[in-house]
Amino acid sequence: VASIAVGGVTNYADFVKGRFTISRDNAKN
């Protein structure tokens, strides 16, 4: 569906682009 790199770069499948957002909080794992 989506991926996120350690630096925050994101990629999305076409079927969710504009609707879904992936994020990460390394401090909270």
Full PDB file with SEQRES, HELIX, SHEET, SSBOND, CRYST1, ORIGX, SCALE, CONECT and MASTER records, all heavy atoms in Angstrom:
SEQRES   1 A   29  VAL ALA SER ILE ALA VAL GLY GLY VAL THR ASN TYR ALA          
SEQRES   2 A   29  ASP PHE VAL LYS GLY ARG PHE THR ILE SER ARG ASP ASN          
SEQRES   3 A   29  ALA LYS ASN                                                  
HELIX    1 AA1 ASP A   14  VAL A   16  5                                   3    
SHEET    1 AA1 2 ALA A   2  ILE A   4  0                                        
SHEET    2 AA1 2 THR A  10  TYR A  12 -1                                        
CRYST1    1.000    1.000    1.000  90.00  90.00  90.00 P 1           1          
ORIGX1      1.000000  0.000000  0.000000        0.00000                         
ORIGX2      0.000000  1.000000  0.000000        0.00000                         
ORIGX3      0.000000  0.000000  1.000000        0.00000                         
SCALE1      1.000000  0.000000  0.000000        0.00000                         
SCALE2      0.000000  1.000000  0.000000        0.00000                         
SCALE3      0.000000  0.000000  1.000000        0.00000                         
ATOM      1  N   VAL A   1       0.838  -1.198   0.000  1.00  0.00           N  
ATOM      2  CA  VAL A   1       0.000   0.000   0.000  1.00  0.00           C  
ATOM      3  C   VAL A   1       0.874   1.250   0.000  1.00  0.00           C  
ATOM      4  O   VAL A   1       0.669   2.173  -0.788  1.00  0.00           O  
ATOM      5  CB  VAL A   1      -0.928   0.017   1.222  1.00  0.00           C  
ATOM      6  CG1 VAL A   1      -1.703   1.328   1.287  1.00  0.00           C  
ATOM      7  CG2 VAL A   1      -1.882  -1.177   1.189  1.00  0.00           C  
ATOM      8  N   ALA A   2       1.856   1.286   0.894  1.00  0.00           N  
ATOM      9  CA  ALA A   2       2.715   2.462   1.019  1.00  0.00           C  
ATOM     10  C   ALA A   2       3.988   2.067   1.751  1.00  0.00           C  
ATOM     11  O   ALA A   2       3.998   1.106   2.522  1.00  0.00           O  
ATOM     12  CB  ALA A   2       1.999   3.577   1.776  1.00  0.00           C  
ATOM     13  N   SER A   3       5.037   2.839   1.532  1.00  0.00           N  
ATOM     14  CA  SER A   3       6.291   2.615   2.246  1.00  0.00           C  
ATOM     15  C   SER A   3       6.868   3.948   2.672  1.00  0.00           C  
ATOM     16  O   SER A   3       6.553   4.996   2.086  1.00  0.00           O  
ATOM     17  CB  SER A   3       7.287   1.856   1.367  1.00  0.00           C  
ATOM     18  OG  SER A   3       7.676   2.650   0.266  1.00  0.00           O  
ATOM     19  N   ILE A   4       7.724   3.879   3.691  1.00  0.00           N  
ATOM     20  CA  ILE A   4       8.375   5.089   4.183  1.00  0.00           C  
ATOM     21  C   ILE A   4       9.801   4.751   4.586  1.00  0.00           C  
ATOM     22  O   ILE A   4      10.042   3.795   5.319  1.00  0.00           O  
ATOM     23  CB  ILE A   4       7.586   5.719   5.362  1.00  0.00           C  
ATOM     24  CG1 ILE A   4       8.249   7.030   5.790  1.00  0.00           C  
ATOM     25  CG2 ILE A   4       7.433   4.747   6.529  1.00  0.00           C  
ATOM     26  CD1 ILE A   4       7.363   7.866   6.707  1.00  0.00           C  
ATOM     27  N   ALA A   5      10.736   5.537   4.104  1.00  0.00           N  
ATOM     28  CA  ALA A   5      12.145   5.339   4.430  1.00  0.00           C  
ATOM     29  C   ALA A   5      12.482   6.024   5.745  1.00  0.00           C  
ATOM     30  O   ALA A   5      11.715   6.852   6.246  1.00  0.00           O  
ATOM     31  CB  ALA A   5      13.006   5.887   3.296  1.00  0.00           C  
ATOM     32  N   VAL A   6      13.646   5.710   6.275  1.00  0.00           N  
ATOM     33  CA  VAL A   6      14.041   6.271   7.572  1.00  0.00           C  
ATOM     34  C   VAL A   6      14.116   7.788   7.499  1.00  0.00           C  
ATOM     35  O   VAL A   6      13.855   8.479   8.493  1.00  0.00           O  
ATOM     36  CB  VAL A   6      15.369   5.658   8.044  1.00  0.00           C  
ATOM     37  CG1 VAL A   6      16.513   6.082   7.129  1.00  0.00           C  
ATOM     38  CG2 VAL A   6      15.647   6.000   9.483  1.00  0.00           C  
ATOM     39  N   GLY A   7      14.422   8.331   6.350  1.00  0.00           N  
ATOM     40  CA  GLY A   7      14.500   9.779   6.183  1.00  0.00           C  
ATOM     41  C   GLY A   7      13.164  10.436   5.907  1.00  0.00           C  
ATOM     42  O   GLY A   7      13.090  11.669   5.781  1.00  0.00           O  
ATOM     43  N   GLY A   8      12.117   9.624   5.779  1.00  0.00           N  
ATOM     44  CA  GLY A   8      10.780  10.163   5.577  1.00  0.00           C  
ATOM     45  C   GLY A   8      10.276  10.140   4.155  1.00  0.00           C  
ATOM     46  O   GLY A   8       9.144  10.554   3.899  1.00  0.00           O  
ATOM     47  N   VAL A   9      11.080   9.660   3.228  1.00  0.00           N  
ATOM     48  CA  VAL A   9      10.630   9.585   1.839  1.00  0.00           C  
ATOM     49  C   VAL A   9       9.547   8.524   1.735  1.00  0.00           C  
ATOM     50  O   VAL A   9       9.706   7.399   2.213  1.00  0.00           O  
ATOM     51  CB  VAL A   9      11.803   9.254   0.900  1.00  0.00           C  
ATOM     52  CG1 VAL A   9      11.300   9.073  -0.531  1.00  0.00           C  
ATOM     53  CG2 VAL A   9      12.848  10.356   0.957  1.00  0.00           C  
ATOM     54  N   THR A  10       8.441   8.884   1.095  1.00  0.00           N  
ATOM     55  CA  THR A  10       7.293   7.986   1.019  1.00  0.00           C  
ATOM     56  C   THR A  10       6.986   7.595  -0.420  1.00  0.00           C  
ATOM     57  O   THR A  10       7.294   8.334  -1.356  1.00  0.00           O  
ATOM     58  CB  THR A  10       6.042   8.641   1.620  1.00  0.00           C  
ATOM     59  OG1 THR A  10       5.779   9.870   0.933  1.00  0.00           O  
ATOM     60  CG2 THR A  10       6.239   8.922   3.112  1.00  0.00           C  
ATOM     61  N   ASN A  11       6.379   6.432  -0.548  1.00  0.00           N  
ATOM     62  CA  ASN A  11       5.880   5.965  -1.832  1.00  0.00           C  
ATOM     63  C   ASN A  11       4.522   5.315  -1.625  1.00  0.00           C  
ATOM     64  O   ASN A  11       4.295   4.677  -0.593  1.00  0.00           O  
ATOM     65  CB  ASN A  11       6.842   4.967  -2.471  1.00  0.00           C  
ATOM     66  CG  ASN A  11       8.021   5.665  -3.117  1.00  0.00           C  
ATOM     67  OD1 ASN A  11       7.882   6.338  -4.130  1.00  0.00           O  
ATOM     68  ND2 ASN A  11       9.184   5.514  -2.521  1.00  0.00           N  
ATOM     69  N   TYR A  12       3.632   5.479  -2.610  1.00  0.00           N  
ATOM     70  CA  TYR A  12       2.274   4.976  -2.484  1.00  0.00           C  
ATOM     71  C   TYR A  12       1.875   4.197  -3.734  1.00  0.00           C  
ATOM     72  O   TYR A  12       2.271   4.536  -4.848  1.00  0.00           O  
ATOM     73  CB  TYR A  12       1.287   6.128  -2.297  1.00  0.00           C  
ATOM     74  CG  TYR A  12       1.510   6.924  -1.045  1.00  0.00           C  
ATOM     75  CD1 TYR A  12       2.328   8.044  -1.031  1.00  0.00           C  
ATOM     76  CD2 TYR A  12       0.908   6.529   0.155  1.00  0.00           C  
ATOM     77  CE1 TYR A  12       2.553   8.760   0.130  1.00  0.00           C  
ATOM     78  CE2 TYR A  12       1.127   7.246   1.317  1.00  0.00           C  
ATOM     79  CZ  TYR A  12       1.940   8.357   1.298  1.00  0.00           C  
ATOM     80  OH  TYR A  12       2.149   9.057   2.462  1.00  0.00           O  
ATOM     81  N   ALA A  13       1.071   3.172  -3.505  1.00  0.00           N  
ATOM     82  CA  ALA A  13       0.452   2.502  -4.640  1.00  0.00           C  
ATOM     83  C   ALA A  13      -0.519   3.479  -5.297  1.00  0.00           C  
ATOM     84  O   ALA A  13      -1.115   4.328  -4.634  1.00  0.00           O  
ATOM     85  CB  ALA A  13      -0.288   1.259  -4.172  1.00  0.00           C  
ATOM     86  N   ASP A  14      -0.683   3.337  -6.605  1.00  0.00           N  
ATOM     87  CA  ASP A  14      -1.549   4.266  -7.333  1.00  0.00           C  
ATOM     88  C   ASP A  14      -2.966   4.299  -6.774  1.00  0.00           C  
ATOM     89  O   ASP A  14      -3.619   5.341  -6.755  1.00  0.00           O  
ATOM     90  CB  ASP A  14      -1.587   3.890  -8.819  1.00  0.00           C  
ATOM     91  CG  ASP A  14      -0.296   4.245  -9.540  1.00  0.00           C  
ATOM     92  OD1 ASP A  14       0.490   5.048  -8.987  1.00  0.00           O  
ATOM     93  OD2 ASP A  14      -0.065   3.711 -10.642  1.00  0.00           O  
ATOM     94  N   PHE A  15      -3.438   3.149  -6.286  1.00  0.00           N  
ATOM     95  CA  PHE A  15      -4.828   3.078  -5.854  1.00  0.00           C  
ATOM     96  C   PHE A  15      -5.095   3.790  -4.528  1.00  0.00           C  
ATOM     97  O   PHE A  15      -6.234   3.890  -4.094  1.00  0.00           O  
ATOM     98  CB  PHE A  15      -5.317   1.621  -5.795  1.00  0.00           C  
ATOM     99  CG  PHE A  15      -4.434   0.685  -5.024  1.00  0.00           C  
ATOM    100  CD1 PHE A  15      -4.480   0.659  -3.639  1.00  0.00           C  
ATOM    101  CD2 PHE A  15      -3.573  -0.169  -5.678  1.00  0.00           C  
ATOM    102  CE1 PHE A  15      -3.677  -0.204  -2.917  1.00  0.00           C  
ATOM    103  CE2 PHE A  15      -2.759  -1.044  -4.966  1.00  0.00           C  
ATOM    104  CZ  PHE A  15      -2.807  -1.059  -3.578  1.00  0.00           C  
ATOM    105  N   VAL A  16      -4.046   4.299  -3.850  1.00  0.00           N  
ATOM    106  CA  VAL A  16      -4.270   5.038  -2.605  1.00  0.00           C  
ATOM    107  C   VAL A  16      -3.700   6.443  -2.640  1.00  0.00           C  
ATOM    108  O   VAL A  16      -3.867   7.203  -1.695  1.00  0.00           O  
ATOM    109  CB  VAL A  16      -3.693   4.299  -1.372  1.00  0.00           C  
ATOM    110  CG1 VAL A  16      -4.315   2.918  -1.251  1.00  0.00           C  
ATOM    111  CG2 VAL A  16      -2.177   4.247  -1.410  1.00  0.00           C  
ATOM    112  N   LYS A  17      -3.037   6.796  -3.722  1.00  0.00           N  
ATOM    113  CA  LYS A  17      -2.423   8.118  -3.807  1.00  0.00           C  
ATOM    114  C   LYS A  17      -3.468   9.213  -3.614  1.00  0.00           C  
ATOM    115  O   LYS A  17      -4.543   9.162  -4.201  1.00  0.00           O  
ATOM    116  CB  LYS A  17      -1.732   8.287  -5.156  1.00  0.00           C  
ATOM    117  CG  LYS A  17      -0.359   7.658  -5.226  1.00  0.00           C  
ATOM    118  CD  LYS A  17       0.308   7.916  -6.570  1.00  0.00           C  
ATOM    119  CE  LYS A  17       1.684   7.273  -6.610  1.00  0.00           C  
ATOM    120  NZ  LYS A  17       2.336   7.431  -7.935  1.00  0.00           N  
ATOM    121  N   GLY A  18      -3.128  10.171  -2.776  1.00  0.00           N  
ATOM    122  CA  GLY A  18      -4.038  11.266  -2.498  1.00  0.00           C  
ATOM    123  C   GLY A  18      -5.053  10.982  -1.415  1.00  0.00           C  
ATOM    124  O   GLY A  18      -5.770  11.883  -0.973  1.00  0.00           O  
ATOM    125  N   ARG A  19      -5.143   9.728  -0.984  1.00  0.00           N  
ATOM    126  CA  ARG A  19      -6.117   9.352   0.053  1.00  0.00           C  
ATOM    127  C   ARG A  19      -5.448   8.865   1.335  1.00  0.00           C  
ATOM    128  O   ARG A  19      -5.957   9.103   2.428  1.00  0.00           O  
ATOM    129  CB  ARG A  19      -7.050   8.261  -0.472  1.00  0.00           C  
ATOM    130  CG  ARG A  19      -7.832   8.643  -1.699  1.00  0.00           C  
ATOM    131  CD  ARG A  19      -8.879   7.578  -2.044  1.00  0.00           C  
ATOM    132  NE  ARG A  19      -8.281   6.280  -2.355  1.00  0.00           N  
ATOM    133  CZ  ARG A  19      -8.616   5.149  -1.743  1.00  0.00           C  
ATOM    134  NH1 ARG A  19      -9.507   5.150  -0.766  1.00  0.00           N  
ATOM    135  NH2 ARG A  19      -8.057   4.014  -2.113  1.00  0.00           N  
ATOM    136  N   PHE A  20      -4.342   8.163   1.216  1.00  0.00           N  
ATOM    137  CA  PHE A  20      -3.649   7.582   2.367  1.00  0.00           C  
ATOM    138  C   PHE A  20      -2.342   8.324   2.608  1.00  0.00           C  
ATOM    139  O   PHE A  20      -1.696   8.794   1.668  1.00  0.00           O  
ATOM    140  CB  PHE A  20      -3.320   6.106   2.117  1.00  0.00           C  
ATOM    141  CG  PHE A  20      -4.512   5.186   2.086  1.00  0.00           C  
ATOM    142  CD1 PHE A  20      -5.813   5.658   2.052  1.00  0.00           C  
ATOM    143  CD2 PHE A  20      -4.317   3.802   2.083  1.00  0.00           C  
ATOM    144  CE1 PHE A  20      -6.899   4.795   2.012  1.00  0.00           C  
ATOM    145  CE2 PHE A  20      -5.391   2.931   2.054  1.00  0.00           C  
ATOM    146  CZ  PHE A  20      -6.673   3.429   2.008  1.00  0.00           C  
ATOM    147  N   THR A  21      -1.942   8.376   3.882  1.00  0.00           N  
ATOM    148  CA  THR A  21      -0.665   8.982   4.265  1.00  0.00           C  
ATOM    149  C   THR A  21       0.047   8.072   5.253  1.00  0.00           C  
ATOM    150  O   THR A  21      -0.518   7.726   6.298  1.00  0.00           O  
ATOM    151  CB  THR A  21      -0.875  10.358   4.897  1.00  0.00           C  
ATOM    152  OG1 THR A  21      -1.578  11.212   3.979  1.00  0.00           O  
ATOM    153  CG2 THR A  21       0.472  11.002   5.232  1.00  0.00           C  
ATOM    154  N   ILE A  22       1.272   7.708   4.923  1.00  0.00           N  
ATOM    155  CA  ILE A  22       2.091   6.893   5.822  1.00  0.00           C  
ATOM    156  C   ILE A  22       3.048   7.804   6.568  1.00  0.00           C  
ATOM    157  O   ILE A  22       3.552   8.788   6.018  1.00  0.00           O  
ATOM    158  CB  ILE A  22       2.855   5.793   5.047  1.00  0.00           C  
ATOM    159  CG1 ILE A  22       3.547   4.834   5.999  1.00  0.00           C  
ATOM    160  CG2 ILE A  22       3.833   6.405   4.052  1.00  0.00           C  
ATOM    161  CD1 ILE A  22       4.169   3.615   5.297  1.00  0.00           C  
ATOM    162  N   SER A  23       3.282   7.505   7.838  1.00  0.00           N  
ATOM    163  CA  SER A  23       4.229   8.285   8.633  1.00  0.00           C  
ATOM    164  C   SER A  23       4.882   7.358   9.652  1.00  0.00           C  
ATOM    165  O   SER A  23       4.402   6.256   9.889  1.00  0.00           O  
ATOM    166  CB  SER A  23       3.526   9.457   9.325  1.00  0.00           C  
ATOM    167  OG  SER A  23       2.519   8.993  10.214  1.00  0.00           O  
ATOM    168  N   ARG A  24       5.960   7.820  10.234  1.00  0.00           N  
ATOM    169  CA  ARG A  24       6.652   7.026  11.235  1.00  0.00           C  
ATOM    170  C   ARG A  24       7.131   7.927  12.352  1.00  0.00           C  
ATOM    171  O   ARG A  24       7.527   9.071  12.118  1.00  0.00           O  
ATOM    172  CB  ARG A  24       7.803   6.227  10.626  1.00  0.00           C  
ATOM    173  CG  ARG A  24       8.941   7.065  10.063  1.00  0.00           C  
ATOM    174  CD  ARG A  24       9.899   6.222   9.227  1.00  0.00           C  
ATOM    175  NE  ARG A  24      10.711   5.315  10.038  1.00  0.00           N  
ATOM    176  CZ  ARG A  24      11.457   4.330   9.539  1.00  0.00           C  
ATOM    177  NH1 ARG A  24      11.466   4.118   8.227  1.00  0.00           N  
ATOM    178  NH2 ARG A  24      12.180   3.561  10.322  1.00  0.00           N  
ATOM    179  N   ASP A  25       7.104   7.389  13.568  1.00  0.00           N  
ATOM    180  CA  ASP A  25       7.628   8.077  14.744  1.00  0.00           C  
ATOM    181  C   ASP A  25       8.683   7.154  15.338  1.00  0.00           C  
ATOM    182  O   ASP A  25       8.349   6.226  16.088  1.00  0.00           O  
ATOM    183  CB  ASP A  25       6.500   8.365  15.729  1.00  0.00           C  
ATOM    184  CG  ASP A  25       6.967   9.218  16.910  1.00  0.00           C  
ATOM    185  OD1 ASP A  25       8.177   9.187  17.230  1.00  0.00           O  
ATOM    186  OD2 ASP A  25       6.123   9.902  17.510  1.00  0.00           O  
ATOM    187  N   ASN A  26       9.937   7.390  15.007  1.00  0.00           N  
ATOM    188  CA  ASN A  26      10.999   6.499  15.465  1.00  0.00           C  
ATOM    189  C   ASN A  26      11.138   6.525  16.989  1.00  0.00           C  
ATOM    190  O   ASN A  26      11.526   5.521  17.601  1.00  0.00           O  
ATOM    191  CB  ASN A  26      12.319   6.878  14.807  1.00  0.00           C  
ATOM    192  CG  ASN A  26      12.343   6.548  13.326  1.00  0.00           C  
ATOM    193  OD1 ASN A  26      11.581   5.708  12.848  1.00  0.00           O  
ATOM    194  ND2 ASN A  26      13.208   7.217  12.588  1.00  0.00           N  
ATOM    195  N   ALA A  27      10.829   7.628  17.609  1.00  0.00           N  
ATOM    196  CA  ALA A  27      10.924   7.718  19.068  1.00  0.00           C  
ATOM    197  C   ALA A  27       9.913   6.801  19.746  1.00  0.00           C  
ATOM    198  O   ALA A  27      10.149   6.294  20.840  1.00  0.00           O  
ATOM    199  CB  ALA A  27      10.715   9.158  19.514  1.00  0.00           C  
ATOM    200  N   LYS A  28       8.755   6.607  19.078  1.00  0.00           N  
ATOM    201  CA  LYS A  28       7.710   5.725  19.631  1.00  0.00           C  
ATOM    202  C   LYS A  28       7.740   4.351  18.991  1.00  0.00           C  
ATOM    203  O   LYS A  28       6.886   3.509  19.299  1.00  0.00           O  
ATOM    204  CB  LYS A  28       6.339   6.369  19.430  1.00  0.00           C  
ATOM    205  CG  LYS A  28       6.142   7.667  20.208  1.00  0.00           C  
ATOM    206  CD  LYS A  28       4.737   8.197  20.011  1.00  0.00           C  
ATOM    207  CE  LYS A  28       4.519   9.468  20.826  1.00  0.00           C  
ATOM    208  NZ  LYS A  28       3.164  10.024  20.646  1.00  0.00           N  
ATOM    209  N   ASN A  29       8.678   4.128  18.078  1.00  0.00           N  
ATOM    210  CA  ASN A  29       8.769   2.841  17.381  1.00  0.00           C  
ATOM    211  C   ASN A  29       7.433   2.456  16.751  1.00  0.00           C  
ATOM    212  O   ASN A  29       6.974   1.305  16.852  1.00  0.00           O  
ATOM    213  CB  ASN A  29       9.236   1.736  18.333  1.00  0.00           C  
ATOM    214  CG  ASN A  29      10.626   1.991  18.859  1.00  0.00           C  
ATOM    215  OD1 ASN A  29      11.503   2.457  18.138  1.00  0.00           O  
ATOM    216  ND2 ASN A  29      10.836   1.713  20.131  1.00  0.00           N  
TER     217      ASN A  29                                                      
MASTER        0    0    0    1    2    0    0    6  216    1    0    3          
END                                                                             
